[in-house]
């Protein structure tokens, strides 16, 4: 992709708003870490203490600092989302290109696997896989990758089939170009915006799915994510007791991140469709 194309993407209003939302989330997290330089799971005061000078976002039912957990949880959720999305996108894009370029039995096998996995709700499939594995950050990433690649594969395959039917691809084939040359010279450059939009969408989906798994108590118990913060609040019946500071900040952080990633994805998709 040329530098001018990157500038045009970054100037898009949706992308600018999305980047600002994600940057705001990261800034809040980093400032929170600077203000709470201690173990987020350590006891820092009385249980369910409301926001104060000592605990800016109060404490949870065990007396742990909510700001400390929120700050680290944001980075952990984004880390899980980004790594899972990169693995998911790499697998999905590769299989989509292979299925679209080679067709035949390869396309048939890949698409039957895609249809089988897409026929199962992603949360249900994730719950089954998590139940079979030991809860950990890397196992959560593996589960998110397994449940996320089919959608990307279907999108990329459809785009590859569209490009493969174009005139310049037919001309390249007529001149003796092999599949490797067509993929590297023609498909990869024109598919970059679609792949980038898929990666951003995958990060958003991974953040939401990880939050859902952790909220249900299936996250890594040795670390803290935004879903874990909500799990602790649910376990303590914070909504019924009025301890809003234990769940509203985490919920708003998830909403801000998802909103930002959604706006970025919309902007990239609009750019790719206008080309």
C-alpha atoms as a PDB file:
ATOM      1  CA  UNK A   1       0.000   0.000   0.000  1.00  0.00           C
ATOM      2  CA  UNK A   2       1.305   3.428  -0.885  1.00  0.00           C
ATOM      3  CA  UNK A   3       1.986   6.081   1.734  1.00  0.00           C
ATOM      4  CA  UNK A   4      -0.689   8.367   0.245  1.00  0.00           C
ATOM      5  CA  UNK A   5      -3.268   5.608   0.703  1.00  0.00           C
ATOM      6  CA  UNK A   6      -2.302   5.296   4.375  1.00  0.00           C
ATOM      7  CA  UNK A   7      -2.752   9.049   4.806  1.00  0.00           C
ATOM      8  CA  UNK A   8      -6.199   8.886   3.188  1.00  0.00           C
ATOM      9  CA  UNK A   9      -7.230   6.106   5.550  1.00  0.00           C
ATOM     10  CA  UNK A  10      -5.995   7.998   8.609  1.00  0.00           C
ATOM     11  CA  UNK A  11      -7.852  11.146   7.531  1.00  0.00           C
ATOM     12  CA  UNK A  12     -11.159   9.290   7.498  1.00  0.00           C
ATOM     13  CA  UNK A  13     -13.482  10.698  10.156  1.00  0.00           C
ATOM     14  CA  UNK A  14     -14.610   7.300  11.443  1.00  0.00           C
ATOM     15  CA  UNK A  15     -11.048   6.076  11.760  1.00  0.00           C
ATOM     16  CA  UNK A  16      -9.974   9.264  13.542  1.00  0.00           C
ATOM     17  CA  UNK A  17     -12.802   8.920  16.059  1.00  0.00           C
ATOM     18  CA  UNK A  18     -12.020   5.239  16.554  1.00  0.00           C
ATOM     19  CA  UNK A  19      -8.313   5.824  17.073  1.00  0.00           C
ATOM     20  CA  UNK A  20      -9.109   8.600  19.559  1.00  0.00           C
ATOM     21  CA  UNK A  21     -11.390   6.252  21.547  1.00  0.00           C
ATOM     22  CA  UNK A  22      -8.789   3.477  21.684  1.00  0.00           C
ATOM     23  CA  UNK A  23      -6.024   5.977  22.532  1.00  0.00           C
ATOM     24  CA  UNK A  24      -8.196   7.383  25.342  1.00  0.00           C
ATOM     25  CA  UNK A  25      -8.645   3.880  26.786  1.00  0.00           C
ATOM     26  CA  UNK A  26      -4.901   3.264  26.678  1.00  0.00           C
ATOM     27  CA  UNK A  27      -4.180   6.662  28.252  1.00  0.00           C
ATOM     28  CA  UNK A  28      -6.601   6.006  31.117  1.00  0.00           C
ATOM     29  CA  UNK A  29      -4.996   2.613  31.656  1.00  0.00           C
ATOM     30  CA  UNK A  30      -1.440   3.968  31.714  1.00  0.00           C
ATOM     31  CA  UNK A  31      -2.359   6.846  34.025  1.00  0.00           C
ATOM     32  CA  UNK A  32      -4.132   4.392  36.310  1.00  0.00           C
ATOM     33  CA  UNK A  33      -1.055   2.172  36.438  1.00  0.00           C
ATOM     34  CA  UNK A  34       1.094   5.183  37.326  1.00  0.00           C
ATOM     35  CA  UNK A  35      -1.302   6.078  40.154  1.00  0.00           C
ATOM     36  CA  UNK A  36      -1.541   2.511  41.476  1.00  0.00           C
ATOM     37  CA  UNK A  37       1.977   0.995  41.293  1.00  0.00           C
ATOM     38  CA  UNK A  38       1.101  -2.135  43.252  1.00  0.00           C
ATOM     39  CA  UNK A  39      -0.359  -5.602  42.774  1.00  0.00           C
ATOM     40  CA  UNK A  40      -3.986  -5.165  41.616  1.00  0.00           C
ATOM     41  CA  UNK A  41      -5.007  -8.288  43.536  1.00  0.00           C
ATOM     42  CA  UNK A  42      -3.620  -7.062  46.862  1.00  0.00           C
ATOM     43  CA  UNK A  43      -5.892  -5.787  49.637  1.00  0.00           C
ATOM     44  CA  UNK A  44      -5.792  -1.980  49.734  1.00  0.00           C
ATOM     45  CA  UNK A  45      -8.621  -1.007  52.060  1.00  0.00           C
ATOM     46  CA  UNK A  46     -12.031  -1.898  53.507  1.00  0.00           C
ATOM     47  CA  UNK A  47     -14.378  -3.933  51.352  1.00  0.00           C
ATOM     48  CA  UNK A  48     -16.743  -2.078  48.983  1.00  0.00           C
ATOM     49  CA  UNK A  49     -15.342   1.318  49.876  1.00  0.00           C
ATOM     50  CA  UNK A  50     -16.688   4.044  47.541  1.00  0.00           C
ATOM     51  CA  UNK A  51     -14.311   6.272  45.543  1.00  0.00           C
ATOM     52  CA  UNK A  52     -12.103   8.405  47.763  1.00  0.00           C
ATOM     53  CA  UNK A  53      -8.711  10.103  47.847  1.00  0.00           C
ATOM     54  CA  UNK A  54      -7.088   6.836  48.901  1.00  0.00           C
ATOM     55  CA  UNK A  55      -8.922   4.648  46.371  1.00  0.00           C
ATOM     56  CA  UNK A  56      -9.929   6.767  43.381  1.00  0.00           C
ATOM     57  CA  UNK A  57     -12.383   4.172  42.076  1.00  0.00           C
ATOM     58  CA  UNK A  58     -13.104   2.547  45.423  1.00  0.00           C
ATOM     59  CA  UNK A  59     -12.548  -1.086  46.396  1.00  0.00           C
ATOM     60  CA  UNK A  60     -14.285  -4.341  45.570  1.00  0.00           C
ATOM     61  CA  UNK A  61     -15.817  -6.902  47.932  1.00  0.00           C
ATOM     62  CA  UNK A  62     -12.366  -8.082  49.045  1.00  0.00           C
ATOM     63  CA  UNK A  63     -10.868  -4.609  49.499  1.00  0.00           C
ATOM     64  CA  UNK A  64      -8.868  -4.597  46.262  1.00  0.00           C
ATOM     65  CA  UNK A  65      -8.342  -1.293  44.446  1.00  0.00           C
ATOM     66  CA  UNK A  66     -10.734  -1.090  41.487  1.00  0.00           C
ATOM     67  CA  UNK A  67      -8.585   1.428  39.586  1.00  0.00           C
ATOM     68  CA  UNK A  68      -5.590  -0.907  39.803  1.00  0.00           C
ATOM     69  CA  UNK A  69      -7.626  -3.814  38.460  1.00  0.00           C
ATOM     70  CA  UNK A  70      -9.241  -1.666  35.756  1.00  0.00           C
ATOM     71  CA  UNK A  71      -5.885  -0.299  34.560  1.00  0.00           C
ATOM     72  CA  UNK A  72      -4.176  -3.678  34.282  1.00  0.00           C
ATOM     73  CA  UNK A  73      -7.359  -5.306  33.026  1.00  0.00           C
ATOM     74  CA  UNK A  74      -7.570  -2.923  30.080  1.00  0.00           C
ATOM     75  CA  UNK A  75      -4.057  -3.790  28.927  1.00  0.00           C
ATOM     76  CA  UNK A  76      -4.655  -7.522  29.432  1.00  0.00           C
ATOM     77  CA  UNK A  77      -7.927  -7.432  27.481  1.00  0.00           C
ATOM     78  CA  UNK A  78      -6.292  -5.510  24.621  1.00  0.00           C
ATOM     79  CA  UNK A  79      -3.293  -7.853  24.633  1.00  0.00           C
ATOM     80  CA  UNK A  80      -5.534 -10.911  24.426  1.00  0.00           C
ATOM     81  CA  UNK A  81      -7.648  -9.262  21.739  1.00  0.00           C
ATOM     82  CA  UNK A  82      -4.695  -8.200  19.567  1.00  0.00           C
ATOM     83  CA  UNK A  83      -2.784 -11.496  19.793  1.00  0.00           C
ATOM     84  CA  UNK A  84      -5.917 -13.581  19.233  1.00  0.00           C
ATOM     85  CA  UNK A  85      -6.896 -11.373  16.286  1.00  0.00           C
ATOM     86  CA  UNK A  86      -3.461 -11.683  14.674  1.00  0.00           C
ATOM     87  CA  UNK A  87      -3.551 -15.482  14.946  1.00  0.00           C
ATOM     88  CA  UNK A  88      -7.176 -15.595  13.805  1.00  0.00           C
ATOM     89  CA  UNK A  89      -6.566 -13.282  10.865  1.00  0.00           C
ATOM     90  CA  UNK A  90      -3.408 -15.094   9.771  1.00  0.00           C
ATOM     91  CA  UNK A  91      -5.245 -18.429   9.657  1.00  0.00           C
ATOM     92  CA  UNK A  92      -8.431 -16.988   8.173  1.00  0.00           C
ATOM     93  CA  UNK A  93      -6.719 -14.915   5.471  1.00  0.00           C
ATOM     94  CA  UNK A  94      -4.404 -17.773   4.471  1.00  0.00           C
ATOM     95  CA  UNK A  95      -7.253 -20.291   4.180  1.00  0.00           C
ATOM     96  CA  UNK A  96      -9.445 -17.760   2.365  1.00  0.00           C
ATOM     97  CA  UNK A  97      -6.745 -17.074  -0.233  1.00  0.00           C
ATOM     98  CA  UNK A  98      -5.959 -20.777  -0.669  1.00  0.00           C
ATOM     99  CA  UNK A  99      -9.636 -21.669  -1.091  1.00  0.00           C
ATOM    100  CA  UNK A 100     -10.255 -18.829  -3.540  1.00  0.00           C
ATOM    101  CA  UNK A 101      -7.146 -19.396  -5.646  1.00  0.00           C
ATOM    102  CA  UNK A 102      -7.071 -23.190  -5.908  1.00  0.00           C
ATOM    103  CA  UNK A 103     -10.808 -23.930  -5.747  1.00  0.00           C
ATOM    104  CA  UNK A 104     -11.971 -27.503  -6.333  1.00  0.00           C
ATOM    105  CA  UNK A 105     -11.596 -29.973  -3.478  1.00  0.00           C
ATOM    106  CA  UNK A 106      -9.492 -27.506  -1.472  1.00  0.00           C
ATOM    107  CA  UNK A 107     -12.248 -24.894  -1.597  1.00  0.00           C
ATOM    108  CA  UNK A 108     -14.874 -27.543  -0.803  1.00  0.00           C
ATOM    109  CA  UNK A 109     -13.004 -28.812   2.279  1.00  0.00           C
ATOM    110  CA  UNK A 110     -12.256 -25.343   3.639  1.00  0.00           C
ATOM    111  CA  UNK A 111     -15.805 -24.070   3.180  1.00  0.00           C
ATOM    112  CA  UNK A 112     -17.386 -27.165   4.751  1.00  0.00           C
ATOM    113  CA  UNK A 113     -15.215 -26.600   7.825  1.00  0.00           C
ATOM    114  CA  UNK A 114     -16.202 -22.921   7.817  1.00  0.00           C
ATOM    115  CA  UNK A 115     -19.899 -23.741   7.562  1.00  0.00           C
ATOM    116  CA  UNK A 116     -19.670 -26.310  10.367  1.00  0.00           C
ATOM    117  CA  UNK A 117     -17.978 -23.885  12.768  1.00  0.00           C
ATOM    118  CA  UNK A 118     -20.231 -20.980  11.813  1.00  0.00           C
ATOM    119  CA  UNK A 119     -23.302 -23.130  12.469  1.00  0.00           C
ATOM    120  CA  UNK A 120     -22.306 -23.268  16.144  1.00  0.00           C
ATOM    121  CA  UNK A 121     -22.677 -20.150  18.324  1.00  0.00           C
ATOM    122  CA  UNK A 122     -19.188 -18.826  19.022  1.00  0.00           C
ATOM    123  CA  UNK A 123     -19.828 -18.452  22.751  1.00  0.00           C
ATOM    124  CA  UNK A 124     -21.071 -22.034  23.068  1.00  0.00           C
ATOM    125  CA  UNK A 125     -18.056 -23.348  21.137  1.00  0.00           C
ATOM    126  CA  UNK A 126     -15.748 -21.223  23.276  1.00  0.00           C
ATOM    127  CA  UNK A 127     -17.347 -22.556  26.467  1.00  0.00           C
ATOM    128  CA  UNK A 128     -16.791 -26.143  25.303  1.00  0.00           C
ATOM    129  CA  UNK A 129     -13.143 -25.503  24.423  1.00  0.00           C
ATOM    130  CA  UNK A 130     -12.441 -23.609  27.646  1.00  0.00           C
ATOM    131  CA  UNK A 131     -13.989 -26.461  29.635  1.00  0.00           C
ATOM    132  CA  UNK A 132     -11.532 -28.871  27.980  1.00  0.00           C
ATOM    133  CA  UNK A 133      -8.485 -26.666  28.570  1.00  0.00           C
ATOM    134  CA  UNK A 134      -6.879 -25.245  31.684  1.00  0.00           C
ATOM    135  CA  UNK A 135      -7.886 -21.578  32.109  1.00  0.00           C
ATOM    136  CA  UNK A 136      -4.943 -19.381  31.128  1.00  0.00           C
ATOM    137  CA  UNK A 137      -4.301 -16.338  28.978  1.00  0.00           C
ATOM    138  CA  UNK A 138      -2.749 -18.392  26.167  1.00  0.00           C
ATOM    139  CA  UNK A 139      -5.517 -20.977  26.214  1.00  0.00           C
ATOM    140  CA  UNK A 140      -8.069 -18.163  26.014  1.00  0.00           C
ATOM    141  CA  UNK A 141      -6.177 -16.787  22.994  1.00  0.00           C
ATOM    142  CA  UNK A 142      -6.234 -20.268  21.418  1.00  0.00           C
ATOM    143  CA  UNK A 143      -9.978 -20.565  21.985  1.00  0.00           C
ATOM    144  CA  UNK A 144     -10.612 -17.126  20.501  1.00  0.00           C
ATOM    145  CA  UNK A 145      -8.496 -17.998  17.458  1.00  0.00           C
ATOM    146  CA  UNK A 146     -10.332 -21.278  16.865  1.00  0.00           C
ATOM    147  CA  UNK A 147     -13.745 -19.617  17.047  1.00  0.00           C
ATOM    148  CA  UNK A 148     -12.810 -16.543  15.007  1.00  0.00           C
ATOM    149  CA  UNK A 149     -11.119 -17.689  11.797  1.00  0.00           C
ATOM    150  CA  UNK A 150     -14.161 -19.051   9.874  1.00  0.00           C
ATOM    151  CA  UNK A 151     -15.803 -15.641   9.417  1.00  0.00           C
ATOM    152  CA  UNK A 152     -12.580 -14.097   8.113  1.00  0.00           C
ATOM    153  CA  UNK A 153     -12.004 -17.020   5.761  1.00  0.00           C
ATOM    154  CA  UNK A 154     -15.446 -16.613   4.210  1.00  0.00           C
ATOM    155  CA  UNK A 155     -15.000 -12.860   3.686  1.00  0.00           C
ATOM    156  CA  UNK A 156     -11.504 -13.163   2.221  1.00  0.00           C
ATOM    157  CA  UNK A 157     -12.500 -16.073  -0.027  1.00  0.00           C
ATOM    158  CA  UNK A 158     -15.380 -14.060  -1.480  1.00  0.00           C
ATOM    159  CA  UNK A 159     -13.090 -11.114  -2.157  1.00  0.00           C
ATOM    160  CA  UNK A 160     -10.431 -13.360  -3.716  1.00  0.00           C
ATOM    161  CA  UNK A 161     -13.001 -14.968  -6.030  1.00  0.00           C
ATOM    162  CA  UNK A 162     -14.089 -11.498  -7.136  1.00  0.00           C
ATOM    163  CA  UNK A 163     -10.517 -10.446  -7.875  1.00  0.00           C
ATOM    164  CA  UNK A 164      -9.641 -13.738  -9.576  1.00  0.00           C
ATOM    165  CA  UNK A 165     -12.459 -13.229 -12.074  1.00  0.00           C
ATOM    166  CA  UNK A 166     -11.162  -9.803 -13.132  1.00  0.00           C
ATOM    167  CA  UNK A 167      -9.539  -9.194 -16.484  1.00  0.00           C
ATOM    168  CA  UNK A 168      -5.993  -8.498 -15.358  1.00  0.00           C
ATOM    169  CA  UNK A 169      -5.837 -11.786 -13.430  1.00  0.00           C
ATOM    170  CA  UNK A 170      -7.029 -13.659 -16.514  1.00  0.00           C
ATOM    171  CA  UNK A 171      -4.359 -11.863 -18.536  1.00  0.00           C
ATOM    172  CA  UNK A 172      -1.691 -12.823 -15.994  1.00  0.00           C
ATOM    173  CA  UNK A 173      -2.758 -16.457 -16.197  1.00  0.00           C
ATOM    174  CA  UNK A 174      -2.644 -16.339 -19.981  1.00  0.00           C
ATOM    175  CA  UNK A 175       0.940 -15.068 -19.783  1.00  0.00           C
ATOM    176  CA  UNK A 176       1.929 -18.056 -17.657  1.00  0.00           C
ATOM    177  CA  UNK A 177       1.810 -16.561 -14.166  1.00  0.00           C
ATOM    178  CA  UNK A 178       1.576 -19.215 -11.455  1.00  0.00           C
ATOM    179  CA  UNK A 179      -0.565 -19.094  -8.311  1.00  0.00           C
ATOM    180  CA  UNK A 180       2.299 -17.853  -6.117  1.00  0.00           C
ATOM    181  CA  UNK A 181       2.991 -14.899  -8.408  1.00  0.00           C
ATOM    182  CA  UNK A 182      -0.698 -13.978  -8.645  1.00  0.00           C
ATOM    183  CA  UNK A 183      -1.108 -14.078  -4.855  1.00  0.00           C
ATOM    184  CA  UNK A 184       2.003 -12.014  -4.053  1.00  0.00           C
ATOM    185  CA  UNK A 185       1.802  -9.579  -6.965  1.00  0.00           C
ATOM    186  CA  UNK A 186      -1.936  -9.014  -7.305  1.00  0.00           C
ATOM    187  CA  UNK A 187      -4.022 -10.432  -4.456  1.00  0.00           C
ATOM    188  CA  UNK A 188      -1.999  -9.329  -1.417  1.00  0.00           C
ATOM    189  CA  UNK A 189      -1.773  -5.598  -2.365  1.00  0.00           C
ATOM    190  CA  UNK A 190      -5.448  -5.210  -3.263  1.00  0.00           C
ATOM    191  CA  UNK A 191      -6.604  -7.329  -0.317  1.00  0.00           C
ATOM    192  CA  UNK A 192      -4.730  -5.301   2.298  1.00  0.00           C
ATOM    193  CA  UNK A 193      -7.677  -3.018   3.275  1.00  0.00           C
ATOM    194  CA  UNK A 194     -10.010  -6.026   3.555  1.00  0.00           C
ATOM    195  CA  UNK A 195      -7.466  -7.914   5.659  1.00  0.00           C
ATOM    196  CA  UNK A 196      -6.879  -4.875   7.876  1.00  0.00           C
ATOM    197  CA  UNK A 197     -10.615  -4.435   8.442  1.00  0.00           C
ATOM    198  CA  UNK A 198     -10.861  -8.138   9.321  1.00  0.00           C
ATOM    199  CA  UNK A 199      -8.039  -7.813  11.840  1.00  0.00           C
ATOM    200  CA  UNK A 200      -9.681  -4.828  13.550  1.00  0.00           C
ATOM    201  CA  UNK A 201     -13.045  -6.609  13.624  1.00  0.00           C
ATOM    202  CA  UNK A 202     -11.330  -9.670  15.074  1.00  0.00           C
ATOM    203  CA  UNK A 203      -9.800  -7.605  17.879  1.00  0.00           C
ATOM    204  CA  UNK A 204     -13.240  -6.239  18.723  1.00  0.00           C
ATOM    205  CA  UNK A 205     -14.817  -9.709  18.702  1.00  0.00           C
ATOM    206  CA  UNK A 206     -11.974 -11.156  20.771  1.00  0.00           C
ATOM    207  CA  UNK A 207     -12.246  -8.415  23.405  1.00  0.00           C
ATOM    208  CA  UNK A 208     -15.992  -9.008  23.717  1.00  0.00           C
ATOM    209  CA  UNK A 209     -15.742 -12.795  23.790  1.00  0.00           C
ATOM    210  CA  UNK A 210     -12.914 -12.755  26.318  1.00  0.00           C
ATOM    211  CA  UNK A 211     -14.926 -10.380  28.507  1.00  0.00           C
ATOM    212  CA  UNK A 212     -17.882 -12.742  28.284  1.00  0.00           C
ATOM    213  CA  UNK A 213     -15.814 -15.799  29.219  1.00  0.00           C
ATOM    214  CA  UNK A 214     -14.131 -14.015  32.121  1.00  0.00           C
ATOM    215  CA  UNK A 215     -17.479 -12.617  33.288  1.00  0.00           C
ATOM    216  CA  UNK A 216     -18.705 -16.215  33.520  1.00  0.00           C
ATOM    217  CA  UNK A 217     -15.662 -17.121  35.617  1.00  0.00           C
ATOM    218  CA  UNK A 218     -13.783 -18.964  32.842  1.00  0.00           C
ATOM    219  CA  UNK A 219     -10.880 -16.545  32.526  1.00  0.00           C
ATOM    220  CA  UNK A 220      -7.349 -16.886  33.856  1.00  0.00           C
ATOM    221  CA  UNK A 221      -7.660 -16.675  37.681  1.00  0.00           C
ATOM    222  CA  UNK A 222      -4.042 -15.529  38.029  1.00  0.00           C
ATOM    223  CA  UNK A 223      -4.507 -12.296  36.080  1.00  0.00           C
ATOM    224  CA  UNK A 224      -7.047  -9.504  35.748  1.00  0.00           C
ATOM    225  CA  UNK A 225      -8.968  -8.488  32.629  1.00  0.00           C
ATOM    226  CA  UNK A 226     -11.966  -6.233  32.174  1.00  0.00           C
ATOM    227  CA  UNK A 227     -14.210  -9.286  32.158  1.00  0.00           C
ATOM    228  CA  UNK A 228     -12.639 -10.444  35.416  1.00  0.00           C
ATOM    229  CA  UNK A 229     -13.467  -7.110  37.063  1.00  0.00           C
ATOM    230  CA  UNK A 230     -17.102  -7.594  36.038  1.00  0.00           C
ATOM    231  CA  UNK A 231     -16.997 -11.182  37.324  1.00  0.00           C
ATOM    232  CA  UNK A 232     -15.873  -9.985  40.759  1.00  0.00           C
ATOM    233  CA  UNK A 233     -18.645  -7.375  40.766  1.00  0.00           C
ATOM    234  CA  UNK A 234     -21.268  -9.986  39.831  1.00  0.00           C
ATOM    235  CA  UNK A 235     -20.006 -12.382  42.473  1.00  0.00           C
ATOM    236  CA  UNK A 236     -20.354  -9.666  45.108  1.00  0.00           C
ATOM    237  CA  UNK A 237     -23.868  -8.719  43.910  1.00  0.00           C
ATOM    238  CA  UNK A 238     -22.578  -5.182  43.379  1.00  0.00           C
ATOM    239  CA  UNK A 239     -25.618  -4.128  41.369  1.00  0.00           C
ATOM    240  CA  UNK A 240     -27.996  -5.058  44.168  1.00  0.00           C
ATOM    241  CA  UNK A 241     -25.843  -3.380  46.822  1.00  0.00           C
ATOM    242  CA  UNK A 242     -25.385  -0.186  44.790  1.00  0.00           C
ATOM    243  CA  UNK A 243     -21.581  -0.517  44.470  1.00  0.00           C
ATOM    244  CA  UNK A 244     -21.612   1.045  41.006  1.00  0.00           C
ATOM    245  CA  UNK A 245     -17.881   1.776  40.999  1.00  0.00           C
ATOM    246  CA  UNK A 246     -17.074  -1.948  40.802  1.00  0.00           C
ATOM    247  CA  UNK A 247     -18.763  -2.506  37.420  1.00  0.00           C
ATOM    248  CA  UNK A 248     -19.639   0.767  35.645  1.00  0.00           C
ATOM    249  CA  UNK A 249     -16.012   1.856  34.936  1.00  0.00           C
ATOM    250  CA  UNK A 250     -15.132  -1.575  33.523  1.00  0.00           C
ATOM    251  CA  UNK A 251     -18.305  -1.631  31.445  1.00  0.00           C
ATOM    252  CA  UNK A 252     -17.593   1.847  30.091  1.00  0.00           C
ATOM    253  CA  UNK A 253     -14.020   0.839  29.244  1.00  0.00           C
ATOM    254  CA  UNK A 254     -15.216  -2.183  27.274  1.00  0.00           C
ATOM    255  CA  UNK A 255     -17.805  -0.041  25.501  1.00  0.00           C
ATOM    256  CA  UNK A 256     -15.193   2.608  24.619  1.00  0.00           C
ATOM    257  CA  UNK A 257     -12.753   0.054  23.207  1.00  0.00           C
ATOM    258  CA  UNK A 258     -15.445  -1.740  21.203  1.00  0.00           C
ATOM    259  CA  UNK A 259     -16.818   1.570  19.909  1.00  0.00           C
ATOM    260  CA  UNK A 260     -13.355   2.700  18.828  1.00  0.00           C
ATOM    261  CA  UNK A 261     -12.565  -0.561  17.052  1.00  0.00           C
ATOM    262  CA  UNK A 262     -15.975  -0.543  15.368  1.00  0.00           C
ATOM    263  CA  UNK A 263     -15.436   2.971  14.011  1.00  0.00           C
ATOM    264  CA  UNK A 264     -11.967   2.023  12.726  1.00  0.00           C
ATOM    265  CA  UNK A 265     -13.376  -1.053  11.001  1.00  0.00           C
ATOM    266  CA  UNK A 266     -16.195   0.956   9.406  1.00  0.00           C
ATOM    267  CA  UNK A 267     -13.734   3.534   8.115  1.00  0.00           C
ATOM    268  CA  UNK A 268     -11.433   0.913   6.602  1.00  0.00           C
ATOM    269  CA  UNK A 269     -14.335  -0.941   4.981  1.00  0.00           C
ATOM    270  CA  UNK A 270     -15.645   2.309   3.498  1.00  0.00           C
ATOM    271  CA  UNK A 271     -12.203   3.076   2.090  1.00  0.00           C
ATOM    272  CA  UNK A 272     -11.853  -0.400   0.547  1.00  0.00           C
ATOM    273  CA  UNK A 273     -15.336  -0.275  -1.027  1.00  0.00           C
ATOM    274  CA  UNK A 274     -14.626   3.163  -2.530  1.00  0.00           C
ATOM    275  CA  UNK A 275     -11.498   1.981  -4.294  1.00  0.00           C
END
